[in-house]
Amino acid sequence: MKNFSSISAVKAEAGLTTNPNIANSTVQSYLDEASAVVQSYVAKKYDIASLLVSSYLAGSQGEFVIKMCEELYAAGSVLNKEFGYEEGANTGSGDGKIKRALETLALVVKGDMILIGTDGVEFPSSVTASNLPPVGSPSSNTDRKFSMSDSTTL
């Protein structure tokens, strides 16, 4: 799985750059988890396969948003799971960081925040059942119909 962020960036976001007790492999597992969550959200709105190989992603606003969400989610997971959940979480706590990442991703999915490439164009949208043309519309295939004569008898 492609990570947009790095172990050092996650440690910095979590305030753990000088903590020798958190292994890089531990942080990497939280980063992989964060990447999966972030990419799942982004795939609700954008064609994730073309986004991941797009030459317009590197250095773009879209990459920045994805990277930020990965860092926040991964850092929040490290803080919560390695140091325990904090009651009354603020934006600096583990839970607060995860919440901020998920709120940002919700804005992307809803379309209130768009992901833009270095060319200044929004990335291609994903094709889902909710944005396919309705049955019977000119672009749908209405020639295929089922009739009882098509069925077989036992």
C-alpha atoms as a PDB file:
ATOM      1  CA  MET A   1       0.000   0.000   0.000  1.00  0.00           C
ATOM      2  CA  LYS A   2       1.268   3.449  -0.883  1.00  0.00           C
ATOM      3  CA  ASN A   3       1.857   5.773   2.054  1.00  0.00           C
ATOM      4  CA  PHE A   4       1.780   9.489   1.342  1.00  0.00           C
ATOM      5  CA  SER A   5       3.309  10.327   4.695  1.00  0.00           C
ATOM      6  CA  SER A   6       6.367   9.016   6.529  1.00  0.00           C
ATOM      7  CA  ILE A   7       7.272   7.560   9.907  1.00  0.00           C
ATOM      8  CA  SER A   8       9.176  10.727  10.852  1.00  0.00           C
ATOM      9  CA  ALA A   9       6.200  12.949   9.931  1.00  0.00           C
ATOM     10  CA  VAL A  10       3.822  10.808  12.009  1.00  0.00           C
ATOM     11  CA  LYS A  11       6.214  10.890  14.978  1.00  0.00           C
ATOM     12  CA  ALA A  12       6.483  14.674  14.642  1.00  0.00           C
ATOM     13  CA  GLU A  13       2.672  15.066  14.522  1.00  0.00           C
ATOM     14  CA  ALA A  14       2.372  12.891  17.627  1.00  0.00           C
ATOM     15  CA  GLY A  15       5.164  14.777  19.412  1.00  0.00           C
ATOM     16  CA  LEU A  16       7.290  11.631  19.640  1.00  0.00           C
ATOM     17  CA  THR A  17      10.380  12.496  17.583  1.00  0.00           C
ATOM     18  CA  THR A  18      12.687  12.028  20.578  1.00  0.00           C
ATOM     19  CA  ASN A  19      10.851   9.087  22.168  1.00  0.00           C
ATOM     20  CA  PRO A  20      13.040   5.969  21.835  1.00  0.00           C
ATOM     21  CA  ASN A  21      10.293   3.689  23.194  1.00  0.00           C
ATOM     22  CA  ILE A  22       8.151   3.784  20.036  1.00  0.00           C
ATOM     23  CA  ALA A  23       9.686   1.581  17.336  1.00  0.00           C
ATOM     24  CA  ASN A  24       9.534   2.655  13.711  1.00  0.00           C
ATOM     25  CA  SER A  25       7.824  -0.645  12.884  1.00  0.00           C
ATOM     26  CA  THR A  26       5.036   0.245  15.326  1.00  0.00           C
ATOM     27  CA  VAL A  27       4.558   3.647  13.741  1.00  0.00           C
ATOM     28  CA  GLN A  28       4.637   2.057  10.268  1.00  0.00           C
ATOM     29  CA  SER A  29       1.758  -0.263  11.200  1.00  0.00           C
ATOM     30  CA  TYR A  30      -0.342   2.731  12.287  1.00  0.00           C
ATOM     31  CA  LEU A  31       0.644   4.572   9.112  1.00  0.00           C
ATOM     32  CA  ASP A  32      -0.464   1.600   6.990  1.00  0.00           C
ATOM     33  CA  GLU A  33      -3.783   1.546   8.859  1.00  0.00           C
ATOM     34  CA  ALA A  34      -4.190   5.286   8.315  1.00  0.00           C
ATOM     35  CA  SER A  35      -3.406   4.934   4.595  1.00  0.00           C
ATOM     36  CA  ALA A  36      -6.086   2.271   4.226  1.00  0.00           C
ATOM     37  CA  VAL A  37      -8.688   4.416   5.979  1.00  0.00           C
ATOM     38  CA  VAL A  38      -7.776   7.595   4.088  1.00  0.00           C
ATOM     39  CA  GLN A  39      -7.714   5.886   0.710  1.00  0.00           C
ATOM     40  CA  SER A  40     -11.066   4.230   1.444  1.00  0.00           C
ATOM     41  CA  TYR A  41     -12.632   7.620   2.099  1.00  0.00           C
ATOM     42  CA  VAL A  42     -10.984   9.243  -0.920  1.00  0.00           C
ATOM     43  CA  ALA A  43     -12.167   6.356  -3.136  1.00  0.00           C
ATOM     44  CA  LYS A  44     -15.770   7.255  -2.302  1.00  0.00           C
ATOM     45  CA  LYS A  45     -15.316  10.462  -4.311  1.00  0.00           C
ATOM     46  CA  TYR A  46     -12.308   9.967  -6.603  1.00  0.00           C
ATOM     47  CA  ASP A  47     -10.934   7.278  -8.896  1.00  0.00           C
ATOM     48  CA  ILE A  48      -8.268   6.090  -6.482  1.00  0.00           C
ATOM     49  CA  ALA A  49      -6.435   3.915  -9.032  1.00  0.00           C
ATOM     50  CA  SER A  50      -5.770   6.827 -11.380  1.00  0.00           C
ATOM     51  CA  LEU A  51      -5.143   9.173  -8.458  1.00  0.00           C
ATOM     52  CA  LEU A  52      -2.342   6.983  -7.090  1.00  0.00           C
ATOM     53  CA  VAL A  53      -0.472   6.931 -10.410  1.00  0.00           C
ATOM     54  CA  SER A  54      -1.252  10.483 -11.513  1.00  0.00           C
ATOM     55  CA  SER A  55       1.724  12.651 -12.363  1.00  0.00           C
ATOM     56  CA  TYR A  56      -0.404  15.595 -11.209  1.00  0.00           C
ATOM     57  CA  LEU A  57      -0.552  14.325  -7.611  1.00  0.00           C
ATOM     58  CA  ALA A  58       3.042  14.893  -6.469  1.00  0.00           C
ATOM     59  CA  GLY A  59       3.311  18.289  -4.828  1.00  0.00           C
ATOM     60  CA  SER A  60      -0.372  19.098  -5.322  1.00  0.00           C
ATOM     61  CA  GLN A  61      -3.048  20.384  -2.968  1.00  0.00           C
ATOM     62  CA  GLY A  62      -4.669  16.947  -3.218  1.00  0.00           C
ATOM     63  CA  GLU A  63      -1.501  15.212  -2.055  1.00  0.00           C
ATOM     64  CA  PHE A  64      -1.172  17.673   0.831  1.00  0.00           C
ATOM     65  CA  VAL A  65      -4.713  16.936   2.053  1.00  0.00           C
ATOM     66  CA  ILE A  66      -4.230  13.158   1.782  1.00  0.00           C
ATOM     67  CA  LYS A  67      -0.852  13.353   3.533  1.00  0.00           C
ATOM     68  CA  MET A  68      -2.231  15.563   6.312  1.00  0.00           C
ATOM     69  CA  CYS A  69      -5.119  13.147   6.943  1.00  0.00           C
ATOM     70  CA  GLU A  70      -2.739  10.168   7.033  1.00  0.00           C
ATOM     71  CA  GLU A  71      -0.443  11.921   9.504  1.00  0.00           C
ATOM     72  CA  LEU A  72      -3.286  13.007  11.776  1.00  0.00           C
ATOM     73  CA  TYR A  73      -4.969   9.588  11.762  1.00  0.00           C
ATOM     74  CA  ALA A  74      -1.715   7.668  12.280  1.00  0.00           C
ATOM     75  CA  ALA A  75      -0.438  10.031  14.996  1.00  0.00           C
ATOM     76  CA  GLY A  76      -3.795   9.855  16.758  1.00  0.00           C
ATOM     77  CA  SER A  77      -3.724   6.065  16.625  1.00  0.00           C
ATOM     78  CA  VAL A  78      -0.197   5.957  18.050  1.00  0.00           C
ATOM     79  CA  LEU A  79      -1.171   8.268  20.908  1.00  0.00           C
ATOM     80  CA  ASN A  80      -4.412   6.434  21.701  1.00  0.00           C
ATOM     81  CA  LYS A  81      -3.147   2.867  21.399  1.00  0.00           C
ATOM     82  CA  GLU A  82       0.346   3.284  22.828  1.00  0.00           C
ATOM     83  CA  PHE A  83      -0.405   5.838  25.553  1.00  0.00           C
ATOM     84  CA  GLY A  84      -4.124   5.390  26.209  1.00  0.00           C
ATOM     85  CA  TYR A  85      -7.278   7.285  25.346  1.00  0.00           C
ATOM     86  CA  GLU A  86      -7.622  10.778  26.859  1.00  0.00           C
ATOM     87  CA  GLU A  87     -11.013  11.754  28.246  1.00  0.00           C
ATOM     88  CA  GLY A  88     -12.269  15.137  26.994  1.00  0.00           C
ATOM     89  CA  ALA A  89     -10.036  14.943  23.935  1.00  0.00           C
ATOM     90  CA  ASN A  90      -8.940  18.180  22.314  1.00  0.00           C
ATOM     91  CA  THR A  91      -7.404  18.594  18.879  1.00  0.00           C
ATOM     92  CA  GLY A  92      -3.918  17.827  20.228  1.00  0.00           C
ATOM     93  CA  SER A  93      -4.902  14.478  21.718  1.00  0.00           C
ATOM     94  CA  GLY A  94      -4.956  11.193  19.848  1.00  0.00           C
ATOM     95  CA  ASP A  95      -8.724  11.176  19.561  1.00  0.00           C
ATOM     96  CA  GLY A  96      -8.758  14.830  18.513  1.00  0.00           C
ATOM     97  CA  LYS A  97      -6.270  14.151  15.714  1.00  0.00           C
ATOM     98  CA  ILE A  98      -8.303  11.212  14.409  1.00  0.00           C
ATOM     99  CA  LYS A  99     -11.478  13.296  14.583  1.00  0.00           C
ATOM    100  CA  ARG A 100      -9.840  16.120  12.602  1.00  0.00           C
ATOM    101  CA  ALA A 101      -8.660  13.657   9.919  1.00  0.00           C
ATOM    102  CA  LEU A 102     -12.115  12.078   9.605  1.00  0.00           C
ATOM    103  CA  GLU A 103     -13.843  15.476   9.485  1.00  0.00           C
ATOM    104  CA  THR A 104     -11.529  16.562   6.663  1.00  0.00           C
ATOM    105  CA  LEU A 105     -12.170  13.309   4.784  1.00  0.00           C
ATOM    106  CA  ALA A 106     -15.927  13.771   5.242  1.00  0.00           C
ATOM    107  CA  LEU A 107     -15.625  17.196   3.580  1.00  0.00           C
ATOM    108  CA  VAL A 108     -13.834  15.563   0.636  1.00  0.00           C
ATOM    109  CA  VAL A 109     -16.460  12.835   0.260  1.00  0.00           C
ATOM    110  CA  LYS A 110     -19.292  15.356   0.528  1.00  0.00           C
ATOM    111  CA  GLY A 111     -17.664  17.553  -2.120  1.00  0.00           C
ATOM    112  CA  ASP A 112     -17.206  20.570   0.159  1.00  0.00           C
ATOM    113  CA  MET A 113     -13.437  20.145  -0.259  1.00  0.00           C
ATOM    114  CA  ILE A 114     -12.059  19.014  -3.597  1.00  0.00           C
ATOM    115  CA  LEU A 115      -8.697  17.450  -4.413  1.00  0.00           C
ATOM    116  CA  ILE A 116      -6.796  19.365  -7.061  1.00  0.00           C
ATOM    117  CA  GLY A 117      -3.752  18.255  -9.009  1.00  0.00           C
ATOM    118  CA  THR A 118      -0.707  20.350  -9.892  1.00  0.00           C
ATOM    119  CA  ASP A 119      -2.454  21.205 -13.162  1.00  0.00           C
ATOM    120  CA  GLY A 120      -5.171  23.028 -11.190  1.00  0.00           C
ATOM    121  CA  VAL A 121      -7.870  20.528 -12.167  1.00  0.00           C
ATOM    122  CA  GLU A 122      -9.951  18.407  -9.799  1.00  0.00           C
ATOM    123  CA  PHE A 123      -9.023  14.728  -9.876  1.00  0.00           C
ATOM    124  CA  PRO A 124     -11.349  12.340 -11.757  1.00  0.00           C
ATOM    125  CA  SER A 125     -14.432  11.190  -9.866  1.00  0.00           C
ATOM    126  CA  SER A 126     -15.042   7.561  -9.064  1.00  0.00           C
ATOM    127  CA  VAL A 127     -17.882   5.671 -10.699  1.00  0.00           C
ATOM    128  CA  THR A 128     -20.286   4.270  -8.147  1.00  0.00           C
ATOM    129  CA  ALA A 129     -23.782   2.883  -8.322  1.00  0.00           C
ATOM    130  CA  SER A 130     -25.098   6.205  -7.018  1.00  0.00           C
ATOM    131  CA  ASN A 131     -23.766   8.167  -9.982  1.00  0.00           C
ATOM    132  CA  LEU A 132     -24.591   5.723 -12.772  1.00  0.00           C
ATOM    133  CA  PRO A 133     -27.354   6.758 -15.184  1.00  0.00           C
ATOM    134  CA  PRO A 134     -30.834   5.562 -14.221  1.00  0.00           C
ATOM    135  CA  VAL A 135     -32.240   2.487 -15.942  1.00  0.00           C
ATOM    136  CA  GLY A 136     -34.071   3.495 -19.084  1.00  0.00           C
ATOM    137  CA  SER A 137     -32.031   6.643 -19.676  1.00  0.00           C
ATOM    138  CA  PRO A 138     -30.512   7.039 -23.153  1.00  0.00           C
ATOM    139  CA  SER A 139     -27.049   6.050 -21.904  1.00  0.00           C
ATOM    140  CA  SER A 140     -28.204   2.880 -20.167  1.00  0.00           C
ATOM    141  CA  ASN A 141     -28.602  -0.426 -21.943  1.00  0.00           C
ATOM    142  CA  THR A 142     -32.337  -0.924 -22.410  1.00  0.00           C
ATOM    143  CA  ASP A 143     -32.053  -3.558 -25.160  1.00  0.00           C
ATOM    144  CA  ARG A 144     -31.515  -6.407 -22.705  1.00  0.00           C
ATOM    145  CA  LYS A 145     -34.805  -7.563 -21.285  1.00  0.00           C
ATOM    146  CA  PHE A 146     -35.722 -10.742 -19.526  1.00  0.00           C
ATOM    147  CA  SER A 147     -38.824 -12.681 -20.469  1.00  0.00           C
ATOM    148  CA  MET A 148     -40.225 -15.942 -19.201  1.00  0.00           C
ATOM    149  CA  SER A 149     -39.200 -17.646 -22.451  1.00  0.00           C
ATOM    150  CA  ASP A 150     -35.556 -16.985 -21.479  1.00  0.00           C
ATOM    151  CA  SER A 151     -35.813 -19.142 -18.383  1.00  0.00           C
ATOM    152  CA  THR A 152     -35.133 -22.857 -18.427  1.00  0.00           C
ATOM    153  CA  THR A 153     -37.334 -25.528 -16.951  1.00  0.00           C
ATOM    154  CA  LEU A 154     -36.107 -28.282 -14.708  1.00  0.00           C
END
